[in-house]
Amino acid sequence: MKSLVTSLLTVSIVMFAVCSGPVKAAVLRLSDHCSEDETQPELVEYLDAELNFSVVDSTLTLSVTNLTPENEGDPAFKISRIFFNVTDNVEDLILTDVYASEESNTEGWDLYFWKNGFWKNAFIVDGFGRFDVYLRGDHDSDGPVVEPGQTVNFVCQISGDGPFVDSDFVNLSSPQDEHIVSYAVVKFYNDDTSAHGATNVPEPASAVILGLGSLFFVLRRRQR
């Protein structure tokens, strides 16, 4: 009984924290790690992006914002690749729509879902492990990218064992060799260089969502 009261008190405290501040969908800020840490350590602080996952019923809207500033005289960094992970209850994602915060080329993005089967073993990202989902633009031509300061929205149909929530798309990558694990990675590039930027720490809103989910399952198990 005492442990149940403690758990309920914890839930109350977390809910108070949620209600006392603005909470949006599950958010990942990709500015903690860079694949060029050793050769270009300044990029760790410079490259910056935000992934915002929002689920309604069986539809995921992923909003990707390129927050990397533009330095006068230097080529601006664009985003052409996006990688993230899903929980086991998500069996597939199908990209149904792409739209931007302003008029730009959004045609040509592709989504690959490699969670099941041998494809997962074939996809490893620069020091950050293996990922379930891969969104590909094209920086070799005039194909779609996320420009500096721009937000591009990807709408996907989810299949699997629902109901689905935002935190189903905030899951650590599979480890590979000496790679660190992370929640998501994007590929930044300009005329001179390219780098992958990642995070292994979710934003506070995501941490609250994940924490509430864990507490829910703990309480449900205690009731059995």
C-alpha atoms as a PDB file:
ATOM      1  CA  MET A   1       0.000   0.000   0.000  1.00  0.00           C
ATOM      2  CA  LYS A   2       2.824   2.350   0.921  1.00  0.00           C
ATOM      3  CA  SER A   3       4.590   1.731  -2.409  1.00  0.00           C
ATOM      4  CA  LEU A   4       1.339   2.380  -4.281  1.00  0.00           C
ATOM      5  CA  VAL A   5       0.883   5.680  -2.444  1.00  0.00           C
ATOM      6  CA  THR A   6       4.470   6.603  -3.278  1.00  0.00           C
ATOM      7  CA  SER A   7       3.907   5.802  -6.948  1.00  0.00           C
ATOM      8  CA  LEU A   8       0.699   7.821  -7.048  1.00  0.00           C
ATOM      9  CA  LEU A   9       2.469  10.739  -5.379  1.00  0.00           C
ATOM     10  CA  THR A  10       5.218  10.541  -7.992  1.00  0.00           C
ATOM     11  CA  VAL A  11       2.629  10.573 -10.776  1.00  0.00           C
ATOM     12  CA  SER A  12       0.981  13.609  -9.182  1.00  0.00           C
ATOM     13  CA  ILE A  13       4.287  15.469  -8.997  1.00  0.00           C
ATOM     14  CA  VAL A  14       5.068  14.692 -12.641  1.00  0.00           C
ATOM     15  CA  MET A  15       1.580  15.709 -13.758  1.00  0.00           C
ATOM     16  CA  PHE A  16       1.955  18.974 -11.838  1.00  0.00           C
ATOM     17  CA  ALA A  17       5.218  19.628 -13.669  1.00  0.00           C
ATOM     18  CA  VAL A  18       3.501  18.916 -16.967  1.00  0.00           C
ATOM     19  CA  CYS A  19       0.552  21.190 -16.249  1.00  0.00           C
ATOM     20  CA  SER A  20       2.675  24.025 -14.887  1.00  0.00           C
ATOM     21  CA  GLY A  21       4.631  24.517 -18.094  1.00  0.00           C
ATOM     22  CA  PRO A  22       4.077  24.275 -21.838  1.00  0.00           C
ATOM     23  CA  VAL A  23       4.406  20.678 -23.044  1.00  0.00           C
ATOM     24  CA  LYS A  24       4.379  19.872 -26.721  1.00  0.00           C
ATOM     25  CA  ALA A  25       4.896  16.622 -28.542  1.00  0.00           C
ATOM     26  CA  ALA A  26       7.960  14.454 -28.029  1.00  0.00           C
ATOM     27  CA  VAL A  27      10.939  16.644 -28.949  1.00  0.00           C
ATOM     28  CA  LEU A  28      14.552  15.769 -29.757  1.00  0.00           C
ATOM     29  CA  ARG A  29      17.191  18.510 -30.032  1.00  0.00           C
ATOM     30  CA  LEU A  30      20.080  17.234 -32.144  1.00  0.00           C
ATOM     31  CA  SER A  31      22.996  19.264 -30.808  1.00  0.00           C
ATOM     32  CA  ASP A  32      24.744  16.931 -28.348  1.00  0.00           C
ATOM     33  CA  HIS A  33      27.058  14.946 -30.612  1.00  0.00           C
ATOM     34  CA  CYS A  34      28.687  15.234 -34.016  1.00  0.00           C
ATOM     35  CA  SER A  35      30.359  12.639 -36.221  1.00  0.00           C
ATOM     36  CA  GLU A  36      33.237  15.095 -36.702  1.00  0.00           C
ATOM     37  CA  ASP A  37      33.956  15.556 -32.972  1.00  0.00           C
ATOM     38  CA  GLU A  38      37.681  14.894 -33.381  1.00  0.00           C
ATOM     39  CA  THR A  39      38.433  16.668 -36.663  1.00  0.00           C
ATOM     40  CA  GLN A  40      36.001  19.605 -36.320  1.00  0.00           C
ATOM     41  CA  PRO A  41      34.972  19.902 -32.655  1.00  0.00           C
ATOM     42  CA  GLU A  42      33.425  23.329 -33.263  1.00  0.00           C
ATOM     43  CA  LEU A  43      30.601  21.657 -35.215  1.00  0.00           C
ATOM     44  CA  VAL A  44      29.244  20.033 -32.034  1.00  0.00           C
ATOM     45  CA  GLU A  45      28.061  23.420 -30.772  1.00  0.00           C
ATOM     46  CA  TYR A  46      27.279  24.874 -34.192  1.00  0.00           C
ATOM     47  CA  LEU A  47      25.096  22.232 -35.868  1.00  0.00           C
ATOM     48  CA  ASP A  48      21.585  22.263 -34.439  1.00  0.00           C
ATOM     49  CA  ALA A  49      18.210  20.770 -35.352  1.00  0.00           C
ATOM     50  CA  GLU A  50      14.936  19.861 -33.678  1.00  0.00           C
ATOM     51  CA  LEU A  51      12.670  16.876 -34.314  1.00  0.00           C
ATOM     52  CA  ASN A  52       9.103  17.178 -33.041  1.00  0.00           C
ATOM     53  CA  PHE A  53       7.015  13.976 -33.053  1.00  0.00           C
ATOM     54  CA  SER A  54       3.228  14.348 -32.801  1.00  0.00           C
ATOM     55  CA  VAL A  55       0.826  11.389 -33.025  1.00  0.00           C
ATOM     56  CA  VAL A  56      -2.938  11.579 -33.557  1.00  0.00           C
ATOM     57  CA  ASP A  57      -4.657   8.179 -33.844  1.00  0.00           C
ATOM     58  CA  SER A  58      -2.536   6.293 -36.413  1.00  0.00           C
ATOM     59  CA  THR A  59      -0.905   9.341 -37.993  1.00  0.00           C
ATOM     60  CA  LEU A  60       2.566  10.625 -37.141  1.00  0.00           C
ATOM     61  CA  THR A  61       3.568  14.173 -38.026  1.00  0.00           C
ATOM     62  CA  LEU A  62       7.316  14.683 -37.715  1.00  0.00           C
ATOM     63  CA  SER A  63       8.355  18.357 -37.882  1.00  0.00           C
ATOM     64  CA  VAL A  64      12.059  18.802 -38.622  1.00  0.00           C
ATOM     65  CA  THR A  65      13.539  22.271 -38.015  1.00  0.00           C
ATOM     66  CA  ASN A  66      17.036  23.243 -39.105  1.00  0.00           C
ATOM     67  CA  LEU A  67      18.263  25.567 -36.329  1.00  0.00           C
ATOM     68  CA  THR A  68      21.855  25.858 -37.525  1.00  0.00           C
ATOM     69  CA  PRO A  69      22.700  29.571 -37.916  1.00  0.00           C
ATOM     70  CA  GLU A  70      24.143  30.980 -41.097  1.00  0.00           C
ATOM     71  CA  ASN A  71      27.578  32.591 -40.872  1.00  0.00           C
ATOM     72  CA  GLU A  72      28.205  35.392 -43.311  1.00  0.00           C
ATOM     73  CA  GLY A  73      30.596  34.256 -46.002  1.00  0.00           C
ATOM     74  CA  ASP A  74      30.271  30.526 -45.154  1.00  0.00           C
ATOM     75  CA  PRO A  75      28.098  28.008 -47.005  1.00  0.00           C
ATOM     76  CA  ALA A  76      24.927  27.317 -45.000  1.00  0.00           C
ATOM     77  CA  PHE A  77      24.351  23.829 -43.597  1.00  0.00           C
ATOM     78  CA  LYS A  78      21.293  22.019 -44.953  1.00  0.00           C
ATOM     79  CA  ILE A  79      19.705  18.738 -43.783  1.00  0.00           C
ATOM     80  CA  SER A  80      19.316  15.906 -46.294  1.00  0.00           C
ATOM     81  CA  ARG A  81      18.988  12.772 -44.112  1.00  0.00           C
ATOM     82  CA  ILE A  82      16.936  11.984 -40.993  1.00  0.00           C
ATOM     83  CA  PHE A  83      17.144   8.829 -38.873  1.00  0.00           C
ATOM     84  CA  PHE A  84      15.150   7.758 -35.819  1.00  0.00           C
ATOM     85  CA  ASN A  85      13.900   4.689 -33.947  1.00  0.00           C
ATOM     86  CA  VAL A  86      10.581   3.181 -32.961  1.00  0.00           C
ATOM     87  CA  THR A  87       9.308   0.913 -30.206  1.00  0.00           C
ATOM     88  CA  ASP A  88       8.406  -2.715 -30.891  1.00  0.00           C
ATOM     89  CA  ASN A  89       4.666  -2.080 -31.302  1.00  0.00           C
ATOM     90  CA  VAL A  90       5.266   0.028 -34.435  1.00  0.00           C
ATOM     91  CA  GLU A  91       5.432  -2.379 -37.381  1.00  0.00           C
ATOM     92  CA  ASP A  92       5.599   0.003 -40.336  1.00  0.00           C
ATOM     93  CA  LEU A  93       5.496   3.642 -41.445  1.00  0.00           C
ATOM     94  CA  ILE A  94       4.301   4.914 -44.806  1.00  0.00           C
ATOM     95  CA  LEU A  95       5.095   8.486 -45.873  1.00  0.00           C
ATOM     96  CA  THR A  96       1.848  10.096 -47.108  1.00  0.00           C
ATOM     97  CA  ASP A  97       2.628  13.825 -47.271  1.00  0.00           C
ATOM     98  CA  VAL A  98       5.469  16.357 -46.968  1.00  0.00           C
ATOM     99  CA  TYR A  99       4.963  20.091 -46.556  1.00  0.00           C
ATOM    100  CA  ALA A 100       7.143  23.023 -45.487  1.00  0.00           C
ATOM    101  CA  SER A 101       6.721  26.132 -43.378  1.00  0.00           C
ATOM    102  CA  GLU A 102       7.239  28.189 -46.521  1.00  0.00           C
ATOM    103  CA  GLU A 103       7.179  27.520 -50.235  1.00  0.00           C
ATOM    104  CA  SER A 104      10.023  25.214 -51.228  1.00  0.00           C
ATOM    105  CA  ASN A 105      10.734  21.943 -52.976  1.00  0.00           C
ATOM    106  CA  THR A 106       9.348  19.103 -50.823  1.00  0.00           C
ATOM    107  CA  GLU A 107       8.856  16.534 -53.591  1.00  0.00           C
ATOM    108  CA  GLY A 108      11.170  13.560 -53.649  1.00  0.00           C
ATOM    109  CA  TRP A 109      11.598  12.662 -49.983  1.00  0.00           C
ATOM    110  CA  ASP A 110      11.669   8.882 -49.435  1.00  0.00           C
ATOM    111  CA  LEU A 111      11.040   6.919 -46.228  1.00  0.00           C
ATOM    112  CA  TYR A 112      12.630   3.537 -45.585  1.00  0.00           C
ATOM    113  CA  PHE A 113      11.465   1.389 -42.689  1.00  0.00           C
ATOM    114  CA  TRP A 114      14.050  -1.276 -41.923  1.00  0.00           C
ATOM    115  CA  LYS A 115      13.071  -2.402 -38.442  1.00  0.00           C
ATOM    116  CA  ASN A 116      12.320  -5.995 -39.404  1.00  0.00           C
ATOM    117  CA  GLY A 117      14.507  -8.317 -41.419  1.00  0.00           C
ATOM    118  CA  PHE A 118      18.083  -8.137 -42.611  1.00  0.00           C
ATOM    119  CA  TRP A 119      17.914  -4.505 -43.740  1.00  0.00           C
ATOM    120  CA  LYS A 120      18.332  -3.315 -40.160  1.00  0.00           C
ATOM    121  CA  ASN A 121      21.758  -4.961 -40.019  1.00  0.00           C
ATOM    122  CA  ALA A 122      22.748  -3.161 -43.205  1.00  0.00           C
ATOM    123  CA  PHE A 123      22.069   0.369 -41.972  1.00  0.00           C
ATOM    124  CA  ILE A 124      24.586   1.921 -39.582  1.00  0.00           C
ATOM    125  CA  VAL A 125      25.070   5.688 -39.113  1.00  0.00           C
ATOM    126  CA  ASP A 126      28.482   7.299 -38.452  1.00  0.00           C
ATOM    127  CA  GLY A 127      29.199   6.206 -34.895  1.00  0.00           C
ATOM    128  CA  PHE A 128      25.572   6.277 -33.725  1.00  0.00           C
ATOM    129  CA  GLY A 129      24.419   2.675 -34.196  1.00  0.00           C
ATOM    130  CA  ARG A 130      21.629   1.146 -36.289  1.00  0.00           C
ATOM    131  CA  PHE A 131      18.332   2.891 -36.932  1.00  0.00           C
ATOM    132  CA  ASP A 132      14.791   1.792 -37.764  1.00  0.00           C
ATOM    133  CA  VAL A 133      13.617   4.683 -39.961  1.00  0.00           C
ATOM    134  CA  TYR A 134      15.477   6.585 -42.674  1.00  0.00           C
ATOM    135  CA  LEU A 135      14.097   9.707 -44.409  1.00  0.00           C
ATOM    136  CA  ARG A 136      16.168  10.600 -47.459  1.00  0.00           C
ATOM    137  CA  GLY A 137      16.311  13.835 -49.378  1.00  0.00           C
ATOM    138  CA  ASP A 138      18.942  14.520 -52.028  1.00  0.00           C
ATOM    139  CA  HIS A 139      21.899  16.872 -51.684  1.00  0.00           C
ATOM    140  CA  ASP A 140      23.507  15.726 -54.940  1.00  0.00           C
ATOM    141  CA  SER A 141      21.118  17.759 -57.088  1.00  0.00           C
ATOM    142  CA  ASP A 142      18.204  20.139 -56.633  1.00  0.00           C
ATOM    143  CA  GLY A 143      16.298  17.597 -54.569  1.00  0.00           C
ATOM    144  CA  PRO A 144      14.494  18.228 -51.282  1.00  0.00           C
ATOM    145  CA  VAL A 145      16.368  19.357 -48.153  1.00  0.00           C
ATOM    146  CA  VAL A 146      15.625  21.219 -44.926  1.00  0.00           C
ATOM    147  CA  GLU A 147      17.080  24.685 -45.403  1.00  0.00           C
ATOM    148  CA  PRO A 148      18.544  26.769 -42.519  1.00  0.00           C
ATOM    149  CA  GLY A 149      15.691  28.173 -40.445  1.00  0.00           C
ATOM    150  CA  GLN A 150      13.122  26.043 -42.250  1.00  0.00           C
ATOM    151  CA  THR A 151      10.646  23.510 -40.831  1.00  0.00           C
ATOM    152  CA  VAL A 152       9.612  20.555 -42.984  1.00  0.00           C
ATOM    153  CA  ASN A 153       6.719  18.341 -41.889  1.00  0.00           C
ATOM    154  CA  PHE A 154       6.546  14.634 -42.705  1.00  0.00           C
ATOM    155  CA  VAL A 155       3.155  12.934 -42.342  1.00  0.00           C
ATOM    156  CA  CYS A 156       3.231   9.155 -41.946  1.00  0.00           C
ATOM    157  CA  GLN A 157       0.627   6.419 -41.572  1.00  0.00           C
ATOM    158  CA  ILE A 158       1.470   4.069 -38.680  1.00  0.00           C
ATOM    159  CA  SER A 159       0.650   0.374 -38.580  1.00  0.00           C
ATOM    160  CA  GLY A 160       1.142  -2.073 -35.730  1.00  0.00           C
ATOM    161  CA  ASP A 161      -0.170  -2.701 -32.245  1.00  0.00           C
ATOM    162  CA  GLY A 162      -1.793   0.608 -31.226  1.00  0.00           C
ATOM    163  CA  PRO A 163      -2.855   2.883 -29.729  1.00  0.00           C
ATOM    164  CA  PHE A 164       0.233   4.879 -30.648  1.00  0.00           C
ATOM    165  CA  VAL A 165       1.758   7.786 -28.725  1.00  0.00           C
ATOM    166  CA  ASP A 166       4.487  10.364 -29.365  1.00  0.00           C
ATOM    167  CA  SER A 167       7.033   8.469 -27.281  1.00  0.00           C
ATOM    168  CA  ASP A 168       6.800   5.423 -29.602  1.00  0.00           C
ATOM    169  CA  PHE A 169       9.206   7.366 -31.829  1.00  0.00           C
ATOM    170  CA  VAL A 170      11.722   8.282 -29.134  1.00  0.00           C
ATOM    171  CA  ASN A 171      13.703   5.058 -28.822  1.00  0.00           C
ATOM    172  CA  LEU A 172      17.442   4.402 -28.666  1.00  0.00           C
ATOM    173  CA  SER A 173      19.303   3.032 -31.667  1.00  0.00           C
ATOM    174  CA  SER A 174      20.740  -0.478 -31.665  1.00  0.00           C
ATOM    175  CA  PRO A 175      24.420  -0.498 -30.596  1.00  0.00           C
ATOM    176  CA  GLN A 176      27.051  -1.451 -33.149  1.00  0.00           C
ATOM    177  CA  ASP A 177      30.701  -2.064 -32.192  1.00  0.00           C
ATOM    178  CA  GLU A 178      31.962   0.988 -30.281  1.00  0.00           C
ATOM    179  CA  HIS A 179      29.187   3.295 -31.455  1.00  0.00           C
ATOM    180  CA  ILE A 180      27.249   5.351 -28.944  1.00  0.00           C
ATOM    181  CA  VAL A 181      23.489   4.882 -28.966  1.00  0.00           C
ATOM    182  CA  SER A 182      21.208   7.821 -29.704  1.00  0.00           C
ATOM    183  CA  TYR A 183      17.564   8.703 -30.249  1.00  0.00           C
ATOM    184  CA  ALA A 184      17.927  10.332 -33.654  1.00  0.00           C
ATOM    185  CA  VAL A 185      20.465  11.593 -36.184  1.00  0.00           C
ATOM    186  CA  VAL A 186      20.329  14.052 -39.085  1.00  0.00           C
ATOM    187  CA  LYS A 187      22.896  14.647 -41.810  1.00  0.00           C
ATOM    188  CA  PHE A 188      24.063  18.250 -42.209  1.00  0.00           C
ATOM    189  CA  TYR A 189      26.023  19.335 -45.273  1.00  0.00           C
ATOM    190  CA  ASN A 190      27.274  22.379 -47.134  1.00  0.00           C
ATOM    191  CA  ASP A 191      29.607  22.914 -50.082  1.00  0.00           C
ATOM    192  CA  ASP A 192      32.691  22.090 -48.009  1.00  0.00           C
ATOM    193  CA  THR A 193      31.799  19.394 -45.503  1.00  0.00           C
ATOM    194  CA  SER A 194      29.138  17.097 -44.114  1.00  0.00           C
ATOM    195  CA  ALA A 195      28.470  15.697 -40.652  1.00  0.00           C
ATOM    196  CA  HIS A 196      25.915  13.730 -38.698  1.00  0.00           C
ATOM    197  CA  GLY A 197      24.449  15.404 -35.617  1.00  0.00           C
ATOM    198  CA  ALA A 198      22.736  13.395 -32.872  1.00  0.00           C
ATOM    199  CA  THR A 199      21.406  13.355 -29.342  1.00  0.00           C
ATOM    200  CA  ASN A 200      21.298  10.717 -26.628  1.00  0.00           C
ATOM    201  CA  VAL A 201      19.296  12.891 -24.215  1.00  0.00           C
ATOM    202  CA  PRO A 202      15.616  13.659 -24.867  1.00  0.00           C
ATOM    203  CA  GLU A 203      14.217  17.134 -24.263  1.00  0.00           C
ATOM    204  CA  PRO A 204      12.284  17.650 -20.973  1.00  0.00           C
ATOM    205  CA  ALA A 205       8.907  17.218 -22.695  1.00  0.00           C
ATOM    206  CA  SER A 206      10.003  13.864 -24.084  1.00  0.00           C
ATOM    207  CA  ALA A 207      11.428  12.801 -20.730  1.00  0.00           C
ATOM    208  CA  VAL A 208       8.084  13.552 -19.072  1.00  0.00           C
ATOM    209  CA  ILE A 209       6.210  11.525 -21.690  1.00  0.00           C
ATOM    210  CA  LEU A 210       8.586   8.596 -21.317  1.00  0.00           C
ATOM    211  CA  GLY A 211       8.450   8.839 -17.529  1.00  0.00           C
ATOM    212  CA  LEU A 212       4.659   8.832 -17.465  1.00  0.00           C
ATOM    213  CA  GLY A 213       4.594   5.803 -19.746  1.00  0.00           C
ATOM    214  CA  SER A 214       6.969   3.906 -17.450  1.00  0.00           C
ATOM    215  CA  LEU A 215       4.927   4.784 -14.359  1.00  0.00           C
ATOM    216  CA  PHE A 216       1.734   3.664 -16.083  1.00  0.00           C
ATOM    217  CA  PHE A 217       3.168   0.219 -16.768  1.00  0.00           C
ATOM    218  CA  VAL A 218       4.563  -0.057 -13.224  1.00  0.00           C
ATOM    219  CA  LEU A 219       1.169   0.764 -11.716  1.00  0.00           C
ATOM    220  CA  ARG A 220      -0.643  -1.588 -14.071  1.00  0.00           C
ATOM    221  CA  ARG A 221       1.727  -4.418 -13.156  1.00  0.00           C
ATOM    222  CA  ARG A 222       1.159  -3.790  -9.428  1.00  0.00           C
ATOM    223  CA  GLN A 223      -2.585  -4.082  -9.931  1.00  0.00           C
ATOM    224  CA  ARG A 224      -2.319  -7.554 -11.476  1.00  0.00           C
END
